[in-house]
Amino acid sequence: MPKSLGNQPIVVIGGGIGGLVSALELASAGLEVIVVEKEQSLGGKIRQIDCAGHGVDSGPTVFTMRWVFDGIFANAGTRLEDVLRIEPLKILARHAWSKSERLDLFANRDESAKAIEDFAGAAEARRFIDFCEQTRKLYRALEKPYMLSQRPSMMGMMSDLGPTGSKALYEIGLFNDLWKSLGRYFKDPRLHQLFGRYATYCGSSPFQAPATLMLIADVEMQGVWAVQGGMIAITQALSDLARSKGVRLICGVNCEEIMQRNRKVSGVRLSNGETIQTQAVIFNGDVMALQTGLLGEANRQASPITQTTRSLSAITWSMFAKPQGFPLIRHNVFFDSDYDSEFTDIFYRKRLPQKPTVYICAQDQTDHHLSHPEGERLLCLVNAPATGDHQQPTQAEIESCQEKSLSLLEHCGLNLSLADATVTRTTPQDFHRLFPATGGALYGQANHGWMDTFRRPAAQTAISGLYLAGGSAHPGAGVPMAALSGRMAAATLMGHLGLTKRSGRVLISGGTSMP
């Protein structure tokens, strides 16, 4: 039988990746856990939308940092390959600016360099190799002192980095934004634009995000996988394991209040009238839900309000369609030539971009384009401002954005008729309803400026017994990072219970960096 905490279970609010991982970690340690999820299905931002009987991944679509999940499943007594079927992708993404301007990036650095040489010349290929060497050093420097650390601080991280790691930071231009630092490596504006896109992986603008985000290039070259059955297969594997270890999963029930007594967690009150007495809660939702009092006024002080800029939201089109004219692979990006205007519109004018970048995940494709005359599953995404709780775009503005997106695709050689497709559109307002208190922001706070790196809240809050997990907490947004946050929340809680011991600032083991 699972062990309880003073005859009371641990409650995880939210069944996203962070919540499921924390529940699994706690259950693997023999603790009694209850997960409460307001939606009818688990997964959080990982979700599928049914389009003509076909499930379309309509949240995260990229599986990276496999080692994170290797560690999670090993800790639960199994192996990733025993619960998931994944296929490595040789081509990371196909990029297009027009019908005659296409570039594939490969997981193999040398293959990418050859493609860049053919696309933009030998000098640009040499600079790409230099860029890869720099991003590799940067990732190795930051993996443990930042990503695996309990709560990194500027001084603590610099101390942990040592001379080699500190040198890697200074070489990229420590206080530069990503866009400026990339200018040292890429003279072709298209490549500058392509690698600047990594800022959007964290919901940020490349013109304001710190240069450290270039390490995402190294993360992708470590491997990108396609998950058989879609990203929800990850959710299913985690929930099945958690259930097998005794975790109680409650779906379709909202947590209305995290109750306190003397600034200590004392229970949770649910929308079905049930009250669960508990001394420990892991909150797997956006921290702004706590800060704005959605789970009780007493929880406003759980984490200091530091968010100044919401991250990106999106408009997405989940569809079963018959695209023509462009050889889609799994991941495809279509660029307009005026990149700056996209982020000026979103972050300053608070409007839908007039010149959007369009991302398409073609979920029935892998590395080689295959013909699907009966149709195929597509997720199309355009970045948008997180104004889903106010200043919402009008129907006319949404239709205009859609037409401009389709026009860009046509300019690049892809003909996509929505009239002949089964389509579900999701707007910032819809995302705000799914993820309360966010305005539709999908990545927590934007990472704008060097110090924003250290402003995400850690797992431990100012309220005894209340912990945080998810993309709005440290170490950040994205499926593997949210999973890491779940491990950190569980490890912090178990440390307070005296079940685990650690030394130094690194909270959990793992990673790819070698001595």
Protein backbone atom coordinates (compact mmCIF):
# COMPACT_ATOMS: atom_id res chain seq x y z
CA MET A 1 0.00 0.00 0.00
CA PRO A 2 1.25 3.54 -0.78
CA LYS A 3 2.45 5.56 2.22
CA SER A 4 0.44 8.65 3.17
CA LEU A 5 1.66 11.91 4.65
CA GLY A 6 0.20 11.92 8.16
CA ASN A 7 -2.57 9.64 6.88
CA GLN A 8 -3.23 12.15 4.11
CA PRO A 9 -2.40 11.90 0.39
CA ILE A 10 -0.31 14.32 -1.63
CA VAL A 11 -2.51 16.20 -4.11
CA VAL A 12 -1.30 17.22 -7.57
CA ILE A 13 -3.48 19.89 -9.16
CA GLY A 14 -3.24 19.61 -12.94
CA GLY A 15 -2.56 16.58 -15.09
CA GLY A 16 -0.09 18.12 -17.52
CA ILE A 17 3.38 16.68 -18.08
CA GLY A 18 4.80 18.36 -14.97
CA GLY A 19 1.97 17.10 -12.79
CA LEU A 20 2.04 13.55 -14.14
CA VAL A 21 5.81 13.29 -13.76
CA SER A 22 5.71 14.58 -10.17
CA ALA A 23 2.90 12.13 -9.34
CA LEU A 24 4.84 9.24 -10.86
CA GLU A 25 8.03 10.17 -9.00
CA LEU A 26 6.19 10.38 -5.68
CA ALA A 27 4.29 7.15 -6.28
CA SER A 28 7.54 5.41 -7.23
CA ALA A 29 8.81 6.41 -3.77
CA GLY A 30 5.78 4.68 -2.26
CA LEU A 31 3.72 7.79 -1.45
CA GLU A 32 -0.06 8.11 -1.83
CA VAL A 33 -0.94 10.59 -4.59
CA ILE A 34 -4.14 12.03 -6.05
CA VAL A 35 -4.10 13.99 -9.35
CA VAL A 36 -6.98 16.42 -10.00
CA GLU A 37 -7.45 17.60 -13.60
CA LYS A 38 -10.21 20.01 -14.63
CA GLU A 39 -10.39 18.73 -18.22
CA GLN A 40 -11.84 15.35 -19.18
CA SER A 41 -8.45 14.15 -20.42
CA LEU A 42 -4.91 14.37 -19.06
CA GLY A 43 -1.97 16.05 -20.75
CA GLY A 44 -2.36 19.78 -20.26
CA LYS A 45 -1.01 21.49 -23.35
CA ILE A 46 -0.41 18.08 -24.93
CA ARG A 47 -3.79 17.42 -26.51
CA GLN A 48 -5.41 16.06 -29.64
CA ILE A 49 -8.35 17.45 -31.59
CA ASP A 50 -10.55 15.12 -33.61
CA CYS A 51 -10.76 16.13 -37.27
CA ALA A 52 -12.98 13.86 -39.36
CA GLY A 53 -12.17 10.94 -37.12
CA HIS A 54 -8.42 11.63 -37.10
CA GLY A 55 -6.64 12.73 -33.92
CA VAL A 56 -4.44 15.76 -34.62
CA ASP A 57 -1.74 16.74 -32.12
CA SER A 58 -2.69 20.34 -31.32
CA GLY A 59 -0.14 21.33 -28.70
CA PRO A 60 3.58 20.52 -28.49
CA THR A 61 4.76 18.50 -31.48
CA VAL A 62 8.53 18.19 -30.97
CA PHE A 63 10.08 15.47 -28.79
CA THR A 64 13.65 16.33 -27.72
CA MET A 65 15.96 15.73 -24.74
CA ARG A 66 15.16 12.04 -24.64
CA TRP A 67 17.48 11.59 -21.67
CA VAL A 68 14.92 13.41 -19.48
CA PHE A 69 12.34 10.69 -20.14
CA ASP A 70 14.89 7.90 -19.99
CA GLY A 71 15.54 9.02 -16.41
CA ILE A 72 11.85 9.31 -15.53
CA PHE A 73 10.95 5.86 -16.80
CA ALA A 74 14.06 4.27 -15.28
CA ASN A 75 13.13 5.75 -11.91
CA ALA A 76 9.69 4.17 -12.32
CA GLY A 77 11.26 0.77 -12.95
CA THR A 78 10.87 0.52 -16.72
CA ARG A 79 12.45 1.73 -19.98
CA LEU A 80 11.28 4.33 -22.45
CA GLU A 81 11.38 1.82 -25.30
CA ASP A 82 9.07 -0.48 -23.32
CA VAL A 83 6.30 2.13 -23.07
CA LEU A 84 6.81 4.41 -26.09
CA ARG A 85 7.64 3.88 -29.75
CA ILE A 86 9.71 6.75 -31.09
CA GLU A 87 11.51 7.28 -34.40
CA PRO A 88 14.54 9.55 -34.77
CA LEU A 89 14.19 12.20 -37.47
CA LYS A 90 17.15 12.82 -39.75
CA ILE A 91 15.70 16.11 -40.96
CA LEU A 92 14.94 18.52 -38.11
CA ALA A 93 12.82 20.86 -40.22
CA ARG A 94 12.22 22.08 -43.77
CA HIS A 95 12.30 25.87 -44.17
CA ALA A 96 10.99 27.97 -47.05
CA TRP A 97 10.98 31.64 -48.01
CA SER A 98 9.65 31.23 -51.56
CA LYS A 99 9.17 28.51 -54.15
CA SER A 100 12.87 28.63 -54.99
CA GLU A 101 14.28 29.14 -51.47
CA ARG A 102 14.16 25.97 -49.36
CA LEU A 103 16.59 24.69 -46.74
CA ASP A 104 16.56 21.49 -44.70
CA LEU A 105 18.38 21.32 -41.38
CA PHE A 106 19.61 17.89 -40.38
CA ALA A 107 20.36 16.21 -37.08
CA ASN A 108 23.81 15.55 -38.57
CA ARG A 109 25.87 18.73 -38.43
CA ASP A 110 27.89 17.99 -41.55
CA GLU A 111 24.77 17.33 -43.61
CA SER A 112 23.35 20.66 -42.46
CA ALA A 113 26.60 22.41 -43.35
CA LYS A 114 26.48 20.95 -46.86
CA ALA A 115 22.85 22.06 -47.26
CA ILE A 116 23.75 25.56 -46.04
CA GLU A 117 26.71 25.72 -48.43
CA ASP A 118 24.41 24.88 -51.35
CA PHE A 119 21.84 27.39 -50.10
CA ALA A 120 23.97 30.35 -48.98
CA GLY A 121 27.61 29.68 -49.83
CA ALA A 122 30.74 28.13 -48.31
CA ALA A 123 31.48 31.04 -45.96
CA GLU A 124 28.07 30.75 -44.36
CA ALA A 125 28.57 26.98 -43.96
CA ARG A 126 31.87 27.58 -42.14
CA ARG A 127 30.18 30.07 -39.84
CA PHE A 128 27.47 27.50 -39.16
CA ILE A 129 30.13 25.01 -38.00
CA ASP A 130 31.55 27.68 -35.67
CA PHE A 131 28.03 28.33 -34.39
CA CYS A 132 27.52 24.63 -33.66
CA GLU A 133 30.76 24.44 -31.71
CA GLN A 134 29.68 27.45 -29.66
CA THR A 135 26.19 26.11 -28.94
CA ARG A 136 27.66 22.76 -27.90
CA LYS A 137 29.96 24.45 -25.39
CA LEU A 138 27.09 26.60 -24.17
CA TYR A 139 24.79 23.63 -23.59
CA ARG A 140 27.48 21.69 -21.74
CA ALA A 141 28.15 24.74 -19.57
CA LEU A 142 24.52 25.39 -18.61
CA GLU A 143 22.94 21.94 -18.34
CA LYS A 144 23.76 21.25 -14.69
CA PRO A 145 24.15 24.74 -13.15
CA TYR A 146 20.93 25.97 -14.77
CA MET A 147 18.60 23.26 -16.09
CA LEU A 148 19.19 20.73 -13.32
CA SER A 149 19.63 23.24 -10.51
CA GLN A 150 16.97 23.75 -7.85
CA ARG A 151 16.81 27.52 -8.24
CA PRO A 152 19.66 29.11 -10.18
CA SER A 153 20.84 32.59 -9.31
CA MET A 154 23.27 34.75 -11.23
CA MET A 155 26.00 34.48 -8.58
CA GLY A 156 25.42 30.81 -7.86
CA MET A 157 25.46 29.85 -11.52
CA MET A 158 28.62 31.81 -12.27
CA SER A 159 30.28 30.05 -9.33
CA ASP A 160 29.20 26.64 -10.61
CA LEU A 161 30.21 27.34 -14.20
CA GLY A 162 33.92 27.64 -13.51
CA PRO A 163 36.40 29.18 -15.98
CA THR A 164 35.40 27.02 -18.99
CA GLY A 165 31.67 27.55 -18.60
CA SER A 166 32.06 31.26 -17.91
CA LYS A 167 34.18 31.59 -21.04
CA ALA A 168 31.39 30.00 -23.12
CA LEU A 169 28.94 32.62 -21.84
CA TYR A 170 31.22 35.54 -22.52
CA GLU A 171 32.01 34.25 -26.01
CA ILE A 172 28.37 34.51 -27.09
CA GLY A 173 28.06 38.04 -25.68
CA LEU A 174 26.72 37.51 -22.17
CA PHE A 175 24.30 40.44 -22.10
CA ASN A 176 23.40 40.50 -25.80
CA ASP A 177 20.02 39.58 -27.17
CA LEU A 178 19.80 36.50 -29.36
CA TRP A 179 19.38 38.48 -32.58
CA LYS A 180 22.53 40.52 -32.03
CA SER A 181 24.62 37.49 -31.10
CA LEU A 182 23.43 35.52 -34.12
CA GLY A 183 24.65 38.38 -36.33
CA ARG A 184 28.19 37.34 -35.45
CA TYR A 185 27.63 33.97 -37.11
CA PHE A 186 25.19 34.50 -39.96
CA LYS A 187 25.39 37.19 -42.63
CA ASP A 188 22.62 35.73 -44.80
CA PRO A 189 19.40 37.28 -43.43
CA ARG A 190 17.49 34.05 -44.02
CA LEU A 191 19.81 32.06 -41.76
CA HIS A 192 19.78 34.85 -39.21
CA GLN A 193 15.99 34.56 -39.24
CA LEU A 194 15.95 30.76 -39.11
CA PHE A 195 18.14 30.50 -36.01
CA GLY A 196 16.43 33.47 -34.40
CA ARG A 197 13.28 31.37 -34.38
CA TYR A 198 14.64 29.40 -31.43
CA ALA A 199 13.46 32.22 -29.16
CA THR A 200 9.87 31.31 -30.00
CA TYR A 201 10.41 27.86 -28.49
CA CYS A 202 10.29 29.73 -25.17
CA GLY A 203 7.51 32.05 -26.29
CA SER A 204 9.84 35.01 -26.72
CA SER A 205 11.05 37.50 -29.32
CA PRO A 206 14.52 36.90 -30.81
CA PHE A 207 15.03 40.66 -30.60
CA GLN A 208 14.66 40.60 -26.80
CA ALA A 209 15.51 37.05 -25.72
CA PRO A 210 18.96 36.37 -24.22
CA ALA A 211 21.69 34.96 -26.44
CA THR A 212 21.83 31.81 -24.28
CA LEU A 213 18.76 30.50 -26.13
CA MET A 214 21.01 29.61 -29.05
CA LEU A 215 21.77 26.43 -27.10
CA ILE A 216 18.43 25.11 -28.42
CA ALA A 217 20.26 24.46 -31.68
CA ASP A 218 22.44 21.94 -29.85
CA VAL A 219 19.40 20.39 -28.14
CA GLU A 220 17.87 19.67 -31.56
CA MET A 221 21.09 18.23 -32.94
CA GLN A 222 21.19 15.85 -29.98
CA GLY A 223 18.03 14.37 -31.46
CA VAL A 224 14.43 15.02 -32.47
CA TRP A 225 12.01 12.10 -32.47
CA ALA A 226 8.54 11.41 -33.83
CA VAL A 227 6.29 9.67 -31.29
CA GLN A 228 4.08 6.90 -32.67
CA GLY A 229 0.49 7.62 -31.72
CA GLY A 230 1.23 11.31 -31.26
CA MET A 231 2.48 13.27 -28.30
CA ILE A 232 -0.48 12.09 -26.23
CA ALA A 233 1.22 8.69 -26.16
CA ILE A 234 3.66 10.27 -23.68
CA THR A 235 0.74 11.33 -21.48
CA GLN A 236 -0.77 7.85 -21.75
CA ALA A 237 2.48 6.14 -20.81
CA LEU A 238 2.98 8.36 -17.76
CA SER A 239 -0.62 8.06 -16.57
CA ASP A 240 -0.68 4.28 -17.04
CA LEU A 241 2.51 3.93 -14.99
CA ALA A 242 1.21 6.30 -12.31
CA ARG A 243 -2.08 4.39 -12.08
CA SER A 244 -0.21 1.08 -11.80
CA LYS A 245 1.60 2.50 -8.77
CA GLY A 246 -1.61 3.47 -7.05
CA VAL A 247 -2.07 7.08 -8.15
CA ARG A 248 -5.73 8.14 -8.16
CA LEU A 249 -6.53 10.19 -11.28
CA ILE A 250 -9.58 12.47 -11.11
CA CYS A 251 -10.58 14.14 -14.41
CA GLY A 252 -13.32 16.65 -15.19
CA VAL A 253 -13.15 18.21 -11.72
CA ASN A 254 -11.73 21.66 -11.00
CA CYS A 255 -9.80 22.63 -7.88
CA GLU A 256 -11.52 25.76 -6.58
CA GLU A 257 -9.31 26.44 -3.58
CA ILE A 258 -6.04 25.39 -2.01
CA MET A 259 -6.90 25.71 1.66
CA GLN A 260 -4.47 26.92 4.30
CA ARG A 261 -4.15 27.00 8.05
CA ASN A 262 -1.44 29.23 9.59
CA ARG A 263 0.19 29.69 6.15
CA LYS A 264 0.44 25.95 5.70
CA VAL A 265 -1.46 23.87 3.16
CA SER A 266 -4.35 22.05 4.85
CA GLY A 267 -6.43 20.73 1.94
CA VAL A 268 -8.09 21.34 -1.42
CA ARG A 269 -11.73 22.10 -2.22
CA LEU A 270 -13.02 20.68 -5.50
CA SER A 271 -15.83 21.74 -7.80
CA ASN A 272 -17.73 18.50 -7.16
CA GLY A 273 -18.09 19.44 -3.49
CA GLU A 274 -15.34 17.13 -2.28
CA THR A 275 -12.70 18.35 0.15
CA ILE A 276 -9.41 16.46 0.39
CA GLN A 277 -7.34 16.99 3.51
CA THR A 278 -3.64 17.20 2.67
CA GLN A 279 -0.42 18.77 3.91
CA ALA A 280 1.24 18.88 0.48
CA VAL A 281 0.03 20.16 -2.91
CA ILE A 282 1.93 20.34 -6.19
CA PHE A 283 0.31 22.94 -8.42
CA ASN A 284 0.77 22.08 -12.10
CA GLY A 285 -0.78 25.16 -13.64
CA ASP A 286 0.35 28.63 -14.60
CA VAL A 287 1.73 30.44 -11.56
CA MET A 288 -0.40 33.46 -12.47
CA ALA A 289 -3.48 31.48 -11.43
CA LEU A 290 -2.09 31.56 -7.90
CA GLN A 291 -0.89 35.14 -8.08
CA THR A 292 -4.30 36.39 -9.23
CA GLY A 293 -6.19 34.52 -6.50
CA LEU A 294 -7.99 31.98 -8.66
CA LEU A 295 -7.30 29.27 -6.10
CA GLY A 296 -7.97 31.41 -3.04
CA GLU A 297 -6.83 34.83 -1.91
CA ALA A 298 -4.42 33.35 0.61
CA ASN A 299 -2.38 31.81 -2.23
CA ARG A 300 -1.54 35.10 -3.92
CA GLN A 301 1.71 35.25 -1.99
CA ALA A 302 2.85 31.77 -2.96
CA SER A 303 5.32 33.23 -5.43
CA PRO A 304 6.35 36.88 -5.86
CA ILE A 305 4.79 38.57 -8.88
CA THR A 306 7.70 39.08 -11.27
CA GLN A 307 6.06 38.57 -14.65
CA THR A 308 6.28 41.69 -16.76
CA THR A 309 5.66 40.29 -20.24
CA ARG A 310 3.46 37.37 -21.19
CA SER A 311 4.95 34.88 -23.59
CA LEU A 312 3.55 34.16 -27.03
CA SER A 313 0.10 32.77 -27.63
CA ALA A 314 -0.98 31.37 -30.99
CA ILE A 315 -3.70 30.81 -33.49
CA THR A 316 -3.73 27.19 -34.57
CA TRP A 317 -5.60 25.31 -37.26
CA SER A 318 -5.93 21.58 -36.57
CA MET A 319 -7.06 19.90 -39.77
CA PHE A 320 -7.43 16.89 -41.99
CA ALA A 321 -6.63 18.30 -45.43
CA LYS A 322 -5.15 17.67 -48.86
CA PRO A 323 -2.09 19.94 -49.23
CA GLN A 324 -0.58 20.21 -52.69
CA GLY A 325 2.55 21.53 -54.36
CA PHE A 326 5.08 21.45 -51.51
CA PRO A 327 6.92 18.35 -50.25
CA LEU A 328 5.96 18.54 -46.59
CA ILE A 329 7.96 16.56 -44.04
CA ARG A 330 7.19 16.26 -40.30
CA HIS A 331 8.27 19.82 -39.34
CA ASN A 332 8.01 22.76 -41.76
CA VAL A 333 8.50 26.51 -41.31
CA PHE A 334 7.47 29.19 -43.80
CA PHE A 335 9.07 32.63 -43.38
CA ASP A 336 8.09 36.11 -44.50
CA SER A 337 11.03 38.38 -45.29
CA ASP A 338 10.13 40.98 -42.62
CA TYR A 339 10.80 39.12 -39.37
CA ASP A 340 11.00 42.15 -37.10
CA SER A 341 7.44 43.23 -37.91
CA GLU A 342 6.02 39.94 -36.58
CA PHE A 343 7.35 40.55 -33.07
CA THR A 344 6.69 44.29 -33.14
CA ASP A 345 3.05 43.51 -33.88
CA ILE A 346 2.78 40.88 -31.16
CA PHE A 347 4.72 42.38 -28.26
CA TYR A 348 4.32 46.12 -28.86
CA ARG A 349 1.16 46.64 -30.91
CA LYS A 350 -0.59 43.69 -29.21
CA ARG A 351 -2.16 42.58 -32.48
CA LEU A 352 -2.02 39.60 -34.78
CA PRO A 353 1.04 39.74 -37.02
CA GLN A 354 0.54 41.30 -40.42
CA LYS A 355 3.45 39.22 -41.77
CA PRO A 356 3.32 35.95 -39.85
CA THR A 357 5.68 33.01 -39.83
CA VAL A 358 3.74 29.76 -40.35
CA TYR A 359 4.71 26.45 -38.74
CA ILE A 360 3.17 23.22 -40.04
CA CYS A 361 3.49 19.84 -38.36
CA ALA A 362 2.54 17.24 -40.95
CA GLN A 363 1.78 14.33 -38.68
CA ASP A 364 1.59 11.63 -41.35
CA GLN A 365 5.06 12.53 -42.67
CA THR A 366 8.56 11.74 -41.42
CA ASP A 367 11.86 12.49 -43.22
CA HIS A 368 10.57 11.72 -46.69
CA HIS A 369 7.52 13.28 -48.23
CA LEU A 370 4.75 10.76 -48.77
CA SER A 371 1.65 11.18 -50.88
CA HIS A 372 -1.67 11.00 -49.01
CA PRO A 373 -4.38 11.44 -51.67
CA GLU A 374 -7.17 10.88 -49.13
CA GLY A 375 -5.82 13.63 -46.90
CA GLU A 376 -3.43 14.01 -43.97
CA ARG A 377 -3.28 15.45 -40.46
CA LEU A 378 -1.82 18.94 -40.16
CA LEU A 379 -1.31 21.42 -37.35
CA CYS A 380 -0.73 24.96 -38.63
CA LEU A 381 0.42 27.58 -36.11
CA VAL A 382 0.92 31.34 -36.20
CA ASN A 383 2.29 33.28 -33.22
CA ALA A 384 -0.12 35.71 -31.57
CA PRO A 385 -0.26 38.09 -28.57
CA ALA A 386 -1.48 36.67 -25.26
CA THR A 387 -4.52 38.94 -25.04
CA GLY A 388 -7.16 36.23 -24.70
CA ASP A 389 -8.57 37.82 -21.55
CA HIS A 390 -8.81 41.34 -23.04
CA GLN A 391 -8.30 43.14 -26.35
CA GLN A 392 -9.25 40.01 -28.23
CA PRO A 393 -8.82 40.01 -32.02
CA THR A 394 -12.01 40.46 -33.96
CA GLN A 395 -13.34 37.81 -36.31
CA ALA A 396 -12.30 40.02 -39.23
CA GLU A 397 -8.74 40.29 -37.86
CA ILE A 398 -8.52 36.52 -37.41
CA GLU A 399 -9.79 35.93 -40.96
CA SER A 400 -7.26 38.46 -42.27
CA CYS A 401 -4.42 36.67 -40.45
CA GLN A 402 -5.61 33.38 -41.87
CA GLU A 403 -5.65 34.74 -45.43
CA LYS A 404 -2.15 36.22 -45.04
CA SER A 405 -0.89 32.89 -43.72
CA LEU A 406 -2.38 30.98 -46.65
CA SER A 407 -0.94 33.56 -49.03
CA LEU A 408 2.55 33.02 -47.58
CA LEU A 409 2.17 29.27 -47.99
CA GLU A 410 1.14 29.74 -51.60
CA HIS A 411 4.13 32.03 -52.16
CA CYS A 412 6.32 29.16 -50.95
CA GLY A 413 4.60 26.65 -53.22
CA LEU A 414 2.07 25.07 -50.82
CA ASN A 415 -1.58 25.16 -51.79
CA LEU A 416 -3.84 24.51 -48.83
CA SER A 417 -7.58 24.86 -49.27
CA LEU A 418 -9.43 25.11 -45.95
CA ALA A 419 -12.75 24.94 -47.77
CA ASP A 420 -12.07 21.30 -48.60
CA ALA A 421 -10.65 20.43 -45.16
CA THR A 422 -12.03 19.55 -41.73
CA VAL A 423 -10.63 22.34 -39.56
CA THR A 424 -10.75 23.36 -35.89
CA ARG A 425 -9.31 26.80 -35.13
CA THR A 426 -7.99 27.70 -31.66
CA THR A 427 -7.39 31.35 -30.66
CA PRO A 428 -5.72 33.09 -27.70
CA GLN A 429 -9.17 33.38 -26.13
CA ASP A 430 -9.61 29.61 -26.38
CA PHE A 431 -6.17 29.01 -24.86
CA HIS A 432 -7.04 31.40 -22.02
CA ARG A 433 -10.12 29.30 -21.24
CA LEU A 434 -8.00 26.14 -21.26
CA PHE A 435 -5.23 27.68 -19.16
CA PRO A 436 -6.78 30.27 -16.80
CA ALA A 437 -5.04 33.53 -15.85
CA THR A 438 -2.68 33.34 -18.86
CA GLY A 439 -4.44 35.39 -21.52
CA GLY A 440 -3.56 32.43 -23.72
CA ALA A 441 0.20 32.63 -23.11
CA LEU A 442 1.59 29.18 -23.81
CA TYR A 443 5.05 29.40 -22.22
CA GLY A 444 4.63 31.25 -18.92
CA GLN A 445 6.50 34.54 -18.93
CA ALA A 446 8.51 35.69 -21.92
CA ASN A 447 12.25 35.30 -21.54
CA HIS A 448 13.22 38.86 -22.41
CA GLY A 449 16.56 40.00 -21.09
CA TRP A 450 19.33 38.16 -19.29
CA MET A 451 17.82 38.45 -15.80
CA ASP A 452 14.48 36.95 -16.88
CA THR A 453 16.36 33.66 -16.93
CA PHE A 454 16.36 33.75 -13.12
CA ARG A 455 12.83 35.06 -12.55
CA ARG A 456 10.86 31.88 -13.06
CA PRO A 457 9.69 30.60 -9.69
CA ALA A 458 11.30 27.51 -8.20
CA ALA A 459 9.39 24.44 -7.05
CA GLN A 460 9.29 25.60 -3.44
CA THR A 461 6.89 28.46 -2.69
CA ALA A 462 6.51 30.82 0.25
CA ILE A 463 3.61 28.70 1.55
CA SER A 464 4.58 25.59 3.49
CA GLY A 465 3.44 22.48 1.68
CA LEU A 466 2.77 24.17 -1.70
CA TYR A 467 5.03 23.36 -4.65
CA LEU A 468 5.08 24.32 -8.34
CA ALA A 469 5.50 22.25 -11.49
CA GLY A 470 4.97 23.13 -15.15
CA GLY A 471 6.15 25.42 -17.91
CA SER A 472 5.71 28.65 -15.93
CA ALA A 473 8.11 27.38 -13.23
CA HIS A 474 11.84 26.71 -13.42
CA PRO A 475 13.46 25.46 -15.64
CA GLY A 476 10.92 26.67 -18.23
CA ALA A 477 8.55 25.85 -21.05
CA GLY A 478 8.51 22.87 -23.39
CA VAL A 479 7.75 19.20 -22.82
CA PRO A 480 11.16 18.08 -21.47
CA MET A 481 11.55 21.20 -19.31
CA ALA A 482 8.05 20.79 -17.84
CA ALA A 483 8.96 17.16 -17.12
CA LEU A 484 12.11 18.33 -15.34
CA SER A 485 10.02 20.75 -13.29
CA GLY A 486 7.83 17.83 -12.22
CA ARG A 487 10.88 15.91 -11.07
CA MET A 488 12.13 18.98 -9.22
CA ALA A 489 8.82 19.51 -7.43
CA ALA A 490 8.74 15.87 -6.33
CA ALA A 491 12.40 15.93 -5.26
CA THR A 492 11.91 19.14 -3.28
CA LEU A 493 8.87 17.74 -1.49
CA MET A 494 10.60 14.44 -0.72
CA GLY A 495 13.60 16.35 0.55
CA HIS A 496 11.36 18.17 3.01
CA LEU A 497 9.97 14.79 4.12
CA GLY A 498 13.50 13.52 4.69
CA LEU A 499 13.15 10.86 1.99
CA THR A 500 16.01 12.13 -0.18
CA LYS A 501 19.31 13.87 0.33
CA ARG A 502 21.29 16.02 -2.03
CA SER A 503 24.45 18.07 -2.03
CA GLY A 504 25.09 21.29 -3.87
CA ARG A 505 22.62 23.18 -6.04
CA VAL A 506 21.95 20.41 -8.59
CA LEU A 507 18.58 18.93 -7.58
CA ILE A 508 18.24 15.93 -9.90
CA SER A 509 20.75 13.72 -11.68
CA GLY A 510 20.97 13.09 -15.40
CA GLY A 511 21.90 15.03 -18.48
CA THR A 512 24.17 14.58 -21.43
CA SER A 513 27.22 16.60 -20.38
CA MET A 514 30.38 14.62 -19.87
CA PRO A 515 33.31 15.58 -17.63
